N, C-alpha and C. Protein backbone atom coordinates (compact mmCIF):
# COMPACT_ATOMS: atom_id res chain seq x y z
N MET A 1 22.29 88.76 87.91
CA MET A 1 20.80 89.18 87.40
C MET A 1 22.12 89.56 86.16
N VAL A 2 21.78 89.30 84.78
CA VAL A 2 22.21 89.88 84.12
C VAL A 2 21.81 91.38 83.49
N LEU A 3 23.08 92.60 83.53
CA LEU A 3 22.01 93.89 83.44
C LEU A 3 22.56 94.48 82.32
N LYS A 4 23.70 94.10 81.49
CA LYS A 4 24.00 94.58 79.66
C LYS A 4 25.07 94.20 79.71
N LEU A 5 25.33 94.21 78.07
CA LEU A 5 26.58 93.67 77.43
C LEU A 5 27.82 94.99 77.77
N LEU A 6 28.90 94.26 77.79
CA LEU A 6 29.52 95.55 78.11
C LEU A 6 30.77 96.02 77.12
N GLY A 7 31.21 94.36 76.37
CA GLY A 7 31.50 94.14 75.24
C GLY A 7 32.14 93.20 74.94
N ALA A 8 32.33 92.98 73.65
CA ALA A 8 32.70 91.51 73.01
C ALA A 8 33.30 91.52 71.82
N GLY A 9 34.32 90.56 71.84
CA GLY A 9 35.44 90.38 70.74
C GLY A 9 35.56 88.53 70.36
N GLY A 10 37.13 88.67 69.81
CA GLY A 10 37.27 87.25 70.13
C GLY A 10 37.47 86.08 70.80
N MET A 11 37.52 86.69 72.24
CA MET A 11 37.71 85.78 73.07
C MET A 11 36.29 85.51 73.92
N GLY A 12 35.50 86.49 72.99
CA GLY A 12 33.69 86.17 74.03
C GLY A 12 33.09 87.46 74.59
N ALA A 13 32.43 87.55 75.05
CA ALA A 13 31.75 88.91 75.51
C ALA A 13 31.60 88.84 76.99
N VAL A 14 31.22 90.03 77.25
CA VAL A 14 31.99 90.24 78.99
C VAL A 14 30.40 90.98 79.27
N TYR A 15 29.70 90.96 80.46
CA TYR A 15 28.39 91.79 80.60
C TYR A 15 28.35 92.17 82.43
N ALA A 16 27.82 93.35 82.44
CA ALA A 16 27.81 93.42 83.47
C ALA A 16 26.61 93.21 84.00
N ALA A 17 26.64 92.68 85.68
CA ALA A 17 25.83 91.99 85.86
C ALA A 17 25.55 92.07 87.73
N GLU A 18 24.22 91.70 88.48
CA GLU A 18 24.51 92.17 90.01
C GLU A 18 24.49 90.40 90.48
N ASP A 19 24.60 90.65 91.67
CA ASP A 19 24.91 89.31 92.18
C ASP A 19 24.43 89.58 93.34
N THR A 20 23.09 89.04 93.46
CA THR A 20 21.50 89.11 94.08
C THR A 20 21.83 88.84 95.38
N ARG A 21 22.24 88.21 95.27
CA ARG A 21 22.63 87.06 96.87
C ARG A 21 23.85 87.87 97.36
N LEU A 22 24.69 88.32 97.10
CA LEU A 22 25.52 89.56 98.07
C LEU A 22 25.63 91.33 97.73
N GLN A 23 24.50 91.68 96.64
CA GLN A 23 24.24 92.94 96.48
C GLN A 23 25.41 93.33 95.99
N ARG A 24 26.26 93.13 95.17
CA ARG A 24 27.55 93.52 94.81
C ARG A 24 27.53 93.46 93.26
N GLN A 25 27.95 94.77 92.26
CA GLN A 25 28.23 94.35 90.80
C GLN A 25 29.07 93.71 90.34
N VAL A 26 28.99 92.71 89.40
CA VAL A 26 30.10 91.83 89.26
C VAL A 26 30.25 92.30 87.60
N ALA A 27 31.23 90.96 87.09
CA ALA A 27 31.47 90.74 85.57
C ALA A 27 31.42 89.44 85.04
N LEU A 28 30.61 89.19 84.20
CA LEU A 28 30.64 87.59 83.81
C LEU A 28 31.23 87.49 82.53
N LYS A 29 32.24 87.05 82.28
CA LYS A 29 32.61 86.61 80.18
C LYS A 29 31.99 85.38 80.22
N PHE A 30 32.04 85.32 78.64
CA PHE A 30 31.93 83.92 78.42
C PHE A 30 32.36 83.92 77.29
N LEU A 31 33.30 82.45 76.91
CA LEU A 31 34.00 82.70 75.65
C LEU A 31 33.00 81.75 74.91
N PRO A 32 33.78 81.55 73.34
CA PRO A 32 32.79 81.48 72.76
C PRO A 32 33.02 79.46 72.43
N GLU A 33 31.90 78.97 72.21
CA GLU A 33 31.87 77.23 72.70
C GLU A 33 33.73 76.51 72.21
N GLN A 34 33.90 77.30 70.74
CA GLN A 34 34.92 76.82 70.43
C GLN A 34 36.56 76.82 71.35
N LEU A 35 36.06 78.03 72.35
CA LEU A 35 37.60 78.21 73.06
C LEU A 35 37.11 77.18 74.52
N ALA A 36 36.09 76.84 74.89
CA ALA A 36 35.89 76.23 76.27
C ALA A 36 36.09 75.00 76.03
N THR A 37 36.20 74.35 75.14
CA THR A 37 36.76 73.20 74.67
C THR A 37 37.74 72.87 74.31
N ASP A 38 38.68 73.64 74.77
CA ASP A 38 40.23 73.42 74.10
C ASP A 38 40.71 72.93 75.89
N PRO A 39 41.41 72.20 75.72
CA PRO A 39 42.03 71.36 76.73
C PRO A 39 43.01 72.73 77.46
N GLN A 40 43.82 73.01 76.23
CA GLN A 40 45.09 73.85 76.73
C GLN A 40 44.26 75.29 76.95
N ARG A 41 43.54 75.97 76.15
CA ARG A 41 42.85 76.90 76.96
C ARG A 41 42.51 77.04 78.03
N LEU A 42 41.47 75.86 78.83
CA LEU A 42 40.41 75.74 79.87
C LEU A 42 42.24 75.76 81.19
N GLY A 43 43.30 74.73 80.73
CA GLY A 43 44.26 75.16 81.53
C GLY A 43 44.77 76.43 82.14
N ARG A 44 45.22 77.28 80.69
CA ARG A 44 45.69 78.20 81.10
C ARG A 44 44.55 79.86 81.74
N PHE A 45 43.57 79.35 81.69
CA PHE A 45 42.07 79.94 82.09
C PHE A 45 42.55 79.49 83.81
N GLU A 46 42.48 78.12 84.04
CA GLU A 46 42.61 77.90 85.49
C GLU A 46 44.17 78.40 86.01
N ARG A 47 44.80 78.44 85.00
CA ARG A 47 46.27 79.42 85.97
C ARG A 47 45.85 80.69 86.23
N GLU A 48 45.09 80.94 85.10
CA GLU A 48 45.28 82.46 84.98
C GLU A 48 43.82 82.90 86.44
N ALA A 49 43.15 82.54 86.69
CA ALA A 49 42.16 82.16 87.68
C ALA A 49 42.95 82.13 88.96
N ARG A 50 43.49 81.31 89.38
CA ARG A 50 44.87 81.13 90.30
C ARG A 50 45.12 82.32 90.69
N SER A 51 45.88 82.91 89.49
CA SER A 51 46.93 84.26 89.98
C SER A 51 46.35 85.28 90.20
N ALA A 52 44.85 85.51 89.26
CA ALA A 52 44.39 86.81 89.82
C ALA A 52 43.74 86.72 91.62
N VAL A 53 43.30 85.25 91.95
CA VAL A 53 42.60 85.43 93.20
C VAL A 53 43.85 85.64 93.64
N ALA A 54 45.27 85.26 93.80
CA ALA A 54 46.38 85.40 94.85
C ALA A 54 46.68 86.61 94.98
N LEU A 55 46.40 87.59 93.98
CA LEU A 55 46.09 89.50 94.37
C LEU A 55 45.66 89.82 95.51
N ASN A 56 46.00 90.46 96.63
CA ASN A 56 46.26 91.12 97.40
C ASN A 56 46.31 92.92 97.09
N HIS A 57 45.43 93.77 96.68
CA HIS A 57 45.94 95.58 96.91
C HIS A 57 44.52 95.96 96.66
N PRO A 58 44.83 97.04 97.64
CA PRO A 58 44.03 98.20 97.65
C PRO A 58 43.19 98.22 96.27
N ASN A 59 43.54 98.30 95.26
CA ASN A 59 43.54 99.07 93.93
C ASN A 59 43.21 97.79 92.77
N ILE A 60 42.92 96.49 93.56
CA ILE A 60 43.06 95.44 92.85
C ILE A 60 41.47 94.85 93.07
N CYS A 61 40.63 94.38 92.33
CA CYS A 61 39.54 93.90 92.93
C CYS A 61 39.85 92.63 93.71
N THR A 62 38.63 92.39 94.29
CA THR A 62 39.10 90.94 94.99
C THR A 62 37.88 90.07 94.50
N ILE A 63 37.79 88.85 94.11
CA ILE A 63 37.79 87.23 93.40
C ILE A 63 37.18 86.97 94.87
N TYR A 64 35.50 86.62 94.52
CA TYR A 64 34.72 86.17 95.99
C TYR A 64 34.24 84.69 95.02
N GLU A 65 34.40 83.77 96.18
CA GLU A 65 33.72 82.21 95.18
C GLU A 65 34.06 82.01 93.79
N ASN A 66 34.98 82.83 93.34
CA ASN A 66 35.53 82.26 91.97
C ASN A 66 35.73 80.92 91.40
N ALA A 67 36.13 80.47 92.54
CA ALA A 67 36.65 79.06 91.84
C ALA A 67 35.50 77.90 91.91
N GLY A 68 34.67 78.10 92.59
CA GLY A 68 33.32 77.59 92.92
C GLY A 68 32.45 78.03 91.42
N GLY A 69 31.97 78.79 91.56
CA GLY A 69 31.50 79.28 89.81
C GLY A 69 32.03 78.81 88.65
N LEU A 70 33.76 78.83 88.80
CA LEU A 70 34.65 78.77 87.43
C LEU A 70 34.64 77.10 87.35
N ASP A 71 34.20 76.51 88.39
CA ASP A 71 34.13 75.27 88.22
C ASP A 71 32.62 74.75 87.96
N ALA A 72 31.24 75.45 88.18
CA ALA A 72 30.01 74.92 87.99
C ALA A 72 30.21 75.20 86.17
N ALA A 73 30.72 76.42 86.00
CA ALA A 73 30.66 77.11 84.26
C ALA A 73 31.70 75.74 83.38
N HIS A 74 32.51 75.61 84.07
CA HIS A 74 33.42 74.44 83.29
C HIS A 74 32.64 73.69 82.88
N VAL A 75 32.00 73.07 83.87
CA VAL A 75 30.85 71.94 84.18
C VAL A 75 29.59 71.76 82.38
N LYS A 76 29.75 72.91 82.54
CA LYS A 76 28.75 73.44 81.35
C LYS A 76 29.74 73.75 80.35
N SER A 77 31.07 73.83 80.25
CA SER A 77 31.88 74.12 78.79
C SER A 77 31.97 75.41 78.68
N VAL A 78 31.86 76.35 79.88
CA VAL A 78 31.90 77.47 79.78
C VAL A 78 33.29 78.23 80.68
N ILE A 79 34.57 79.10 80.05
CA ILE A 79 35.36 79.41 80.93
C ILE A 79 35.41 80.73 80.27
N HIS A 80 35.98 81.85 81.10
CA HIS A 80 36.55 82.76 81.44
C HIS A 80 38.40 82.65 80.99
N ARG A 81 38.64 82.98 80.11
CA ARG A 81 40.31 82.44 79.84
C ARG A 81 41.56 83.56 79.92
N ASP A 82 40.60 84.72 79.90
CA ASP A 82 41.24 86.17 80.34
C ASP A 82 40.84 86.82 81.76
N ILE A 83 41.03 86.21 83.02
CA ILE A 83 40.84 86.60 84.13
C ILE A 83 41.70 87.54 84.76
N LYS A 84 41.62 88.77 84.72
CA LYS A 84 42.28 89.28 85.45
C LYS A 84 41.71 90.79 86.34
N PRO A 85 41.97 91.14 86.70
CA PRO A 85 41.48 92.75 87.57
C PRO A 85 40.67 93.70 86.17
N ALA A 86 41.39 93.98 85.14
CA ALA A 86 41.03 94.46 84.29
C ALA A 86 39.94 94.26 83.52
N ASN A 87 39.72 92.15 83.79
CA ASN A 87 38.23 92.33 83.02
C ASN A 87 37.26 92.17 84.16
N ILE A 88 37.50 92.14 85.23
CA ILE A 88 36.19 91.74 86.24
C ILE A 88 35.70 93.26 86.52
């Protein structure tokens, strides 16, 4: 459930949300349509997502089921191009 807009800029908008299935706070980022359809940006986004998922440290957030969600978003041309702990 989307709770509120946290911020927006040239790279898209980030929303605070609640994962009602796992009952945790999450952040959702939606990119402008023109960025979501660029194959180079999609590739960069996927590399950044893989890098973020590979991190494991107590001071860095954990990404759960990120790849499945990203895939579903990509099918609808929605991507998070700047995925990193500071944006989650």
